[in-house]
Amino acid sequence: MGMVRSAQQRSAMFDAKWNDEAYVAICAAVEAVAKAGYEGFANVWVAKRDETLGVLAAAGVSRLVVGSYLAYSAELYKLTLWASGELAAVAADEIETKWTSRGLAAAVLADIKYDVWSIADPIPPA
């Protein structure tokens, strides 16, 4: 059978487990890592979003569908995080087909794919 502890002993054990200084230090370290990751994402995405808006302005796209084109561009951004080369080209072609079927202009989608994200067309099978 365990030893009976006083309220002071229980309080001392709790304080030892939940050392505020250690907890604050751990939270600060986690926050720094999260902030650095988000800042990297934000810097890339904001620059690419602005490039996408430039392509849309040059093409004379209506403001009503700008959100859809930005969603397409964001999908390409997610693609470039894990794929490159021929794999990215094939996947981007499928994404472009999806957004074309939703009513977006294929020429504008292709401009975003090439000019903003530098993704080429896939190599046709021989």
N, C-alpha and C. Protein backbone atom coordinates (compact mmCIF):
# COMPACT_ATOMS: atom_id res chain seq x y z
N MET A 1 0.83 -1.17 0.00
CA MET A 1 0.00 0.00 0.00
C MET A 1 0.88 1.24 0.00
N GLY A 2 0.45 2.26 -0.76
CA GLY A 2 1.25 3.46 -0.92
C GLY A 2 1.26 4.34 0.32
N MET A 3 2.19 5.18 0.31
CA MET A 3 2.37 6.10 1.42
C MET A 3 1.37 7.27 1.31
N VAL A 4 0.79 7.68 2.39
CA VAL A 4 -0.14 8.79 2.40
C VAL A 4 0.68 10.08 2.36
N ARG A 5 0.30 10.96 1.44
CA ARG A 5 1.05 12.21 1.29
C ARG A 5 0.22 13.37 1.81
N SER A 6 0.91 14.33 2.31
CA SER A 6 0.23 15.54 2.78
C SER A 6 -0.08 16.45 1.59
N ALA A 7 -0.88 17.45 1.83
CA ALA A 7 -1.21 18.41 0.79
C ALA A 7 0.03 19.14 0.30
N GLN A 8 0.96 19.43 1.21
CA GLN A 8 2.19 20.11 0.82
C GLN A 8 3.05 19.22 -0.08
N GLN A 9 3.10 17.92 0.23
CA GLN A 9 3.89 17.01 -0.60
C GLN A 9 3.28 16.88 -1.99
N ARG A 10 1.95 16.77 -2.05
CA ARG A 10 1.28 16.69 -3.36
C ARG A 10 1.51 17.97 -4.16
N SER A 11 1.42 19.10 -3.49
CA SER A 11 1.65 20.37 -4.16
C SER A 11 3.08 20.48 -4.69
N ALA A 12 4.04 20.03 -3.88
CA ALA A 12 5.45 20.07 -4.30
C ALA A 12 5.68 19.16 -5.51
N MET A 13 5.04 17.99 -5.53
CA MET A 13 5.18 17.08 -6.68
C MET A 13 4.56 17.70 -7.94
N PHE A 14 3.41 18.32 -7.78
CA PHE A 14 2.76 18.96 -8.91
C PHE A 14 3.63 20.09 -9.46
N ASP A 15 4.18 20.90 -8.57
CA ASP A 15 5.04 22.00 -9.00
C ASP A 15 6.29 21.49 -9.71
N ALA A 16 6.82 20.36 -9.25
CA ALA A 16 8.00 19.80 -9.89
C ALA A 16 7.68 19.30 -11.30
N LYS A 17 6.48 18.72 -11.46
CA LYS A 17 6.09 18.22 -12.78
C LYS A 17 5.77 19.37 -13.74
N TRP A 18 5.15 20.40 -13.22
CA TRP A 18 4.73 21.52 -14.06
C TRP A 18 5.56 22.75 -13.76
N ASN A 19 6.83 22.62 -13.99
CA ASN A 19 7.76 23.73 -13.82
C ASN A 19 7.44 24.78 -14.87
N ASP A 20 6.96 25.93 -14.45
CA ASP A 20 6.54 26.98 -15.38
C ASP A 20 7.65 27.42 -16.31
N GLU A 21 8.86 27.54 -15.81
CA GLU A 21 9.97 28.00 -16.64
C GLU A 21 10.27 27.02 -17.76
N ALA A 22 10.26 25.73 -17.44
CA ALA A 22 10.52 24.72 -18.46
C ALA A 22 9.39 24.70 -19.49
N TYR A 23 8.15 24.80 -19.01
CA TYR A 23 7.00 24.79 -19.90
C TYR A 23 7.03 26.00 -20.85
N VAL A 24 7.34 27.15 -20.33
CA VAL A 24 7.41 28.36 -21.14
C VAL A 24 8.52 28.23 -22.18
N ALA A 25 9.65 27.64 -21.79
CA ALA A 25 10.76 27.46 -22.73
C ALA A 25 10.37 26.51 -23.86
N ILE A 26 9.67 25.43 -23.52
CA ILE A 26 9.24 24.46 -24.54
C ILE A 26 8.24 25.13 -25.49
N CYS A 27 7.29 25.87 -24.94
CA CYS A 27 6.30 26.56 -25.78
C CYS A 27 6.97 27.58 -26.70
N ALA A 28 7.97 28.28 -26.21
CA ALA A 28 8.67 29.26 -27.03
C ALA A 28 9.41 28.58 -28.17
N ALA A 29 10.00 27.42 -27.90
CA ALA A 29 10.72 26.69 -28.95
C ALA A 29 9.76 26.19 -30.01
N VAL A 30 8.63 25.65 -29.58
CA VAL A 30 7.62 25.17 -30.54
C VAL A 30 7.08 26.33 -31.37
N GLU A 31 6.83 27.45 -30.74
CA GLU A 31 6.32 28.63 -31.44
C GLU A 31 7.32 29.13 -32.47
N ALA A 32 8.61 29.10 -32.13
CA ALA A 32 9.64 29.57 -33.07
C ALA A 32 9.68 28.69 -34.31
N VAL A 33 9.59 27.38 -34.11
CA VAL A 33 9.60 26.45 -35.25
C VAL A 33 8.37 26.67 -36.12
N ALA A 34 7.20 26.80 -35.49
CA ALA A 34 5.97 27.00 -36.24
C ALA A 34 6.00 28.32 -37.00
N LYS A 35 6.50 29.36 -36.37
CA LYS A 35 6.58 30.68 -37.01
C LYS A 35 7.51 30.65 -38.22
N ALA A 36 8.64 29.98 -38.07
CA ALA A 36 9.60 29.90 -39.19
C ALA A 36 8.99 29.15 -40.36
N GLY A 37 8.28 28.06 -40.08
CA GLY A 37 7.63 27.31 -41.15
C GLY A 37 6.57 28.12 -41.85
N TYR A 38 5.76 28.85 -41.08
CA TYR A 38 4.71 29.65 -41.68
C TYR A 38 5.27 30.81 -42.48
N GLU A 39 6.32 31.44 -41.97
CA GLU A 39 6.91 32.57 -42.70
C GLU A 39 7.47 32.12 -44.04
N GLY A 40 8.09 30.94 -44.07
CA GLY A 40 8.58 30.40 -45.34
C GLY A 40 7.44 30.18 -46.32
N PHE A 41 6.35 29.57 -45.83
CA PHE A 41 5.17 29.34 -46.67
C PHE A 41 4.59 30.66 -47.15
N ALA A 42 4.44 31.60 -46.23
CA ALA A 42 3.81 32.87 -46.57
C ALA A 42 4.62 33.64 -47.59
N ASN A 43 5.95 33.65 -47.45
CA ASN A 43 6.79 34.38 -48.40
C ASN A 43 6.65 33.82 -49.81
N VAL A 44 6.66 32.51 -49.93
CA VAL A 44 6.53 31.88 -51.25
C VAL A 44 5.13 32.12 -51.81
N TRP A 45 4.11 31.83 -50.99
CA TRP A 45 2.75 31.91 -51.50
C TRP A 45 2.37 33.34 -51.88
N VAL A 46 2.74 34.32 -51.09
CA VAL A 46 2.37 35.70 -51.39
C VAL A 46 3.02 36.14 -52.71
N ALA A 47 4.27 35.77 -52.92
CA ALA A 47 4.93 36.13 -54.18
C ALA A 47 4.25 35.46 -55.37
N LYS A 48 3.95 34.17 -55.23
CA LYS A 48 3.31 33.44 -56.33
C LYS A 48 1.87 33.91 -56.55
N ARG A 49 1.17 34.27 -55.47
CA ARG A 49 -0.18 34.80 -55.62
C ARG A 49 -0.16 36.10 -56.41
N ASP A 50 0.82 36.95 -56.10
CA ASP A 50 0.93 38.22 -56.83
C ASP A 50 1.25 37.98 -58.30
N GLU A 51 2.12 37.00 -58.58
CA GLU A 51 2.40 36.66 -59.98
C GLU A 51 1.14 36.16 -60.68
N THR A 52 0.37 35.32 -59.97
CA THR A 52 -0.88 34.80 -60.54
C THR A 52 -1.84 35.94 -60.83
N LEU A 53 -1.96 36.89 -59.91
CA LEU A 53 -2.83 38.04 -60.14
C LEU A 53 -2.36 38.86 -61.33
N GLY A 54 -1.05 38.94 -61.54
CA GLY A 54 -0.52 39.64 -62.71
C GLY A 54 -0.92 38.95 -64.01
N VAL A 55 -0.84 37.61 -64.02
CA VAL A 55 -1.25 36.85 -65.20
C VAL A 55 -2.74 37.07 -65.46
N LEU A 56 -3.54 37.05 -64.40
CA LEU A 56 -4.98 37.23 -64.56
C LEU A 56 -5.32 38.63 -65.05
N ALA A 57 -4.60 39.63 -64.56
CA ALA A 57 -4.84 41.00 -65.02
C ALA A 57 -4.47 41.15 -66.49
N ALA A 58 -3.36 40.53 -66.89
CA ALA A 58 -2.94 40.61 -68.30
C ALA A 58 -3.94 39.91 -69.21
N ALA A 59 -4.58 38.85 -68.70
CA ALA A 59 -5.56 38.11 -69.51
C ALA A 59 -6.94 38.75 -69.47
N GLY A 60 -7.13 39.74 -68.61
CA GLY A 60 -8.43 40.40 -68.52
C GLY A 60 -9.51 39.53 -67.89
N VAL A 61 -9.13 38.73 -66.91
CA VAL A 61 -10.07 37.82 -66.26
C VAL A 61 -11.01 38.62 -65.35
N SER A 62 -12.28 38.24 -65.35
CA SER A 62 -13.28 38.89 -64.51
C SER A 62 -12.96 38.68 -63.03
N ARG A 63 -13.24 39.70 -62.23
CA ARG A 63 -12.98 39.60 -60.79
C ARG A 63 -13.83 38.53 -60.13
N LEU A 64 -14.92 38.15 -60.76
CA LEU A 64 -15.81 37.15 -60.19
C LEU A 64 -15.18 35.77 -60.11
N VAL A 65 -14.24 35.48 -61.01
CA VAL A 65 -13.63 34.14 -61.03
C VAL A 65 -12.17 34.14 -60.58
N VAL A 66 -11.68 35.27 -60.11
CA VAL A 66 -10.29 35.34 -59.65
C VAL A 66 -10.04 34.33 -58.53
N GLY A 67 -11.00 34.15 -57.64
CA GLY A 67 -10.85 33.20 -56.55
C GLY A 67 -10.63 31.78 -57.04
N SER A 68 -11.30 31.40 -58.11
CA SER A 68 -11.12 30.06 -58.66
C SER A 68 -9.72 29.90 -59.25
N TYR A 69 -9.24 30.92 -59.93
CA TYR A 69 -7.89 30.84 -60.48
C TYR A 69 -6.84 30.81 -59.36
N LEU A 70 -7.09 31.53 -58.28
CA LEU A 70 -6.17 31.48 -57.14
C LEU A 70 -6.19 30.11 -56.48
N ALA A 71 -7.35 29.48 -56.44
CA ALA A 71 -7.45 28.12 -55.90
C ALA A 71 -6.65 27.15 -56.77
N TYR A 72 -6.72 27.32 -58.08
CA TYR A 72 -5.92 26.50 -59.00
C TYR A 72 -4.43 26.72 -58.75
N SER A 73 -4.04 27.96 -58.58
CA SER A 73 -2.64 28.26 -58.32
C SER A 73 -2.19 27.67 -56.98
N ALA A 74 -3.05 27.73 -55.97
CA ALA A 74 -2.72 27.14 -54.67
C ALA A 74 -2.57 25.63 -54.78
N GLU A 75 -3.38 25.02 -55.62
CA GLU A 75 -3.27 23.57 -55.82
C GLU A 75 -1.94 23.23 -56.49
N LEU A 76 -1.51 24.06 -57.42
CA LEU A 76 -0.19 23.85 -58.04
C LEU A 76 0.92 24.05 -57.02
N TYR A 77 0.74 25.00 -56.11
CA TYR A 77 1.75 25.21 -55.06
C TYR A 77 1.88 23.96 -54.20
N LYS A 78 0.74 23.39 -53.79
CA LYS A 78 0.80 22.16 -52.99
C LYS A 78 1.47 21.04 -53.78
N LEU A 79 1.21 21.00 -55.08
CA LEU A 79 1.84 19.98 -55.92
C LEU A 79 3.35 20.14 -55.95
N THR A 80 3.83 21.37 -56.06
CA THR A 80 5.28 21.59 -56.14
C THR A 80 6.00 21.28 -54.84
N LEU A 81 5.26 21.17 -53.75
CA LEU A 81 5.88 20.82 -52.47
C LEU A 81 6.34 19.37 -52.43
N TRP A 82 5.67 18.50 -53.20
CA TRP A 82 6.02 17.08 -53.15
C TRP A 82 6.41 16.48 -54.50
N ALA A 83 6.22 17.19 -55.58
CA ALA A 83 6.51 16.60 -56.89
C ALA A 83 7.33 17.58 -57.72
N SER A 84 8.11 17.01 -58.64
CA SER A 84 8.88 17.84 -59.58
C SER A 84 9.06 17.04 -60.86
N GLY A 85 9.55 17.72 -61.88
CA GLY A 85 9.84 17.05 -63.14
C GLY A 85 8.61 16.50 -63.83
N GLU A 86 8.75 15.30 -64.38
CA GLU A 86 7.68 14.68 -65.15
C GLU A 86 6.46 14.36 -64.29
N LEU A 87 6.69 13.95 -63.05
CA LEU A 87 5.57 13.66 -62.15
C LEU A 87 4.73 14.92 -61.91
N ALA A 88 5.38 16.04 -61.69
CA ALA A 88 4.66 17.30 -61.50
C ALA A 88 3.93 17.70 -62.78
N ALA A 89 4.54 17.45 -63.93
CA ALA A 89 3.91 17.81 -65.20
C ALA A 89 2.63 17.02 -65.42
N VAL A 90 2.68 15.72 -65.15
CA VAL A 90 1.50 14.87 -65.34
C VAL A 90 0.40 15.26 -64.35
N ALA A 91 0.77 15.45 -63.09
CA ALA A 91 -0.22 15.82 -62.09
C ALA A 91 -0.81 17.20 -62.38
N ALA A 92 0.02 18.15 -62.81
CA ALA A 92 -0.47 19.48 -63.14
C ALA A 92 -1.42 19.44 -64.33
N ASP A 93 -1.16 18.55 -65.27
CA ASP A 93 -2.05 18.40 -66.42
C ASP A 93 -3.43 17.90 -65.97
N GLU A 94 -3.44 16.98 -65.01
CA GLU A 94 -4.72 16.49 -64.47
C GLU A 94 -5.45 17.59 -63.70
N ILE A 95 -4.71 18.38 -62.95
CA ILE A 95 -5.31 19.49 -62.21
C ILE A 95 -5.88 20.52 -63.18
N GLU A 96 -5.13 20.78 -64.26
CA GLU A 96 -5.61 21.73 -65.27
C GLU A 96 -6.89 21.23 -65.92
N THR A 97 -6.97 19.94 -66.21
CA THR A 97 -8.18 19.36 -66.79
C THR A 97 -9.36 19.52 -65.85
N LYS A 98 -9.13 19.30 -64.56
CA LYS A 98 -10.20 19.46 -63.57
C LYS A 98 -10.75 20.87 -63.58
N TRP A 99 -9.84 21.87 -63.56
CA TRP A 99 -10.30 23.25 -63.50
C TRP A 99 -10.89 23.72 -64.82
N THR A 100 -10.44 23.16 -65.93
CA THR A 100 -11.05 23.48 -67.23
C THR A 100 -12.48 22.97 -67.26
N SER A 101 -12.70 21.77 -66.70
CA SER A 101 -14.06 21.22 -66.67
C SER A 101 -14.98 22.04 -65.76
N ARG A 102 -14.40 22.81 -64.87
CA ARG A 102 -15.19 23.69 -64.00
C ARG A 102 -15.46 25.05 -64.64
N GLY A 103 -15.01 25.23 -65.87
CA GLY A 103 -15.35 26.43 -66.62
C GLY A 103 -14.27 27.49 -66.73
N LEU A 104 -13.06 27.22 -66.24
CA LEU A 104 -11.99 28.20 -66.36
C LEU A 104 -11.32 28.07 -67.72
N ALA A 105 -10.75 29.16 -68.20
CA ALA A 105 -10.13 29.19 -69.53
C ALA A 105 -8.82 28.41 -69.52
N ALA A 106 -8.69 27.48 -70.45
CA ALA A 106 -7.50 26.62 -70.52
C ALA A 106 -6.24 27.43 -70.79
N ALA A 107 -6.36 28.47 -71.61
CA ALA A 107 -5.18 29.28 -71.93
C ALA A 107 -4.65 30.01 -70.69
N VAL A 108 -5.56 30.51 -69.86
CA VAL A 108 -5.14 31.22 -68.64
C VAL A 108 -4.53 30.23 -67.65
N LEU A 109 -5.15 29.06 -67.54
CA LEU A 109 -4.60 28.03 -66.65
C LEU A 109 -3.20 27.63 -67.09
N ALA A 110 -3.01 27.49 -68.40
CA ALA A 110 -1.69 27.13 -68.92
C ALA A 110 -0.67 28.23 -68.63
N ASP A 111 -1.09 29.48 -68.76
CA ASP A 111 -0.19 30.60 -68.44
C ASP A 111 0.24 30.57 -66.97
N ILE A 112 -0.71 30.29 -66.09
CA ILE A 112 -0.36 30.21 -64.67
C ILE A 112 0.60 29.06 -64.44
N LYS A 113 0.33 27.93 -65.06
CA LYS A 113 1.18 26.75 -64.88
C LYS A 113 2.60 27.01 -65.36
N TYR A 114 2.74 27.63 -66.53
CA TYR A 114 4.08 27.86 -67.10
C TYR A 114 4.77 29.07 -66.48
N ASP A 115 4.08 30.21 -66.49
CA ASP A 115 4.71 31.48 -66.11
C ASP A 115 4.93 31.61 -64.59
N VAL A 116 3.98 31.14 -63.80
CA VAL A 116 4.09 31.30 -62.36
C VAL A 116 4.84 30.14 -61.72
N TRP A 117 4.47 28.92 -62.10
CA TRP A 117 5.01 27.74 -61.42
C TRP A 117 6.09 27.02 -62.21
N SER A 118 6.36 27.43 -63.43
CA SER A 118 7.41 26.83 -64.28
C SER A 118 7.25 25.31 -64.42
N ILE A 119 6.03 24.89 -64.64
CA ILE A 119 5.75 23.47 -64.86
C ILE A 119 5.49 23.28 -66.35
N ALA A 120 6.24 22.40 -66.98
CA ALA A 120 6.10 22.16 -68.41
C ALA A 120 4.99 21.15 -68.68
N ASP A 121 4.63 21.02 -69.96
CA ASP A 121 3.67 19.98 -70.34
C ASP A 121 4.33 18.61 -70.18
N PRO A 122 3.52 17.58 -69.90
CA PRO A 122 4.11 16.24 -69.80
C PRO A 122 4.58 15.74 -71.16
N ILE A 123 5.58 14.90 -71.13
CA ILE A 123 6.10 14.30 -72.36
C ILE A 123 5.13 13.23 -72.81
N PRO A 124 4.64 13.31 -74.06
CA PRO A 124 3.68 12.30 -74.52
C PRO A 124 4.34 10.93 -74.62
N PRO A 125 3.57 9.86 -74.35
CA PRO A 125 4.15 8.52 -74.45
C PRO A 125 4.55 8.20 -75.88
N ALA A 126 5.62 7.45 -76.03
CA ALA A 126 6.13 7.12 -77.37
C ALA A 126 5.41 5.94 -77.96
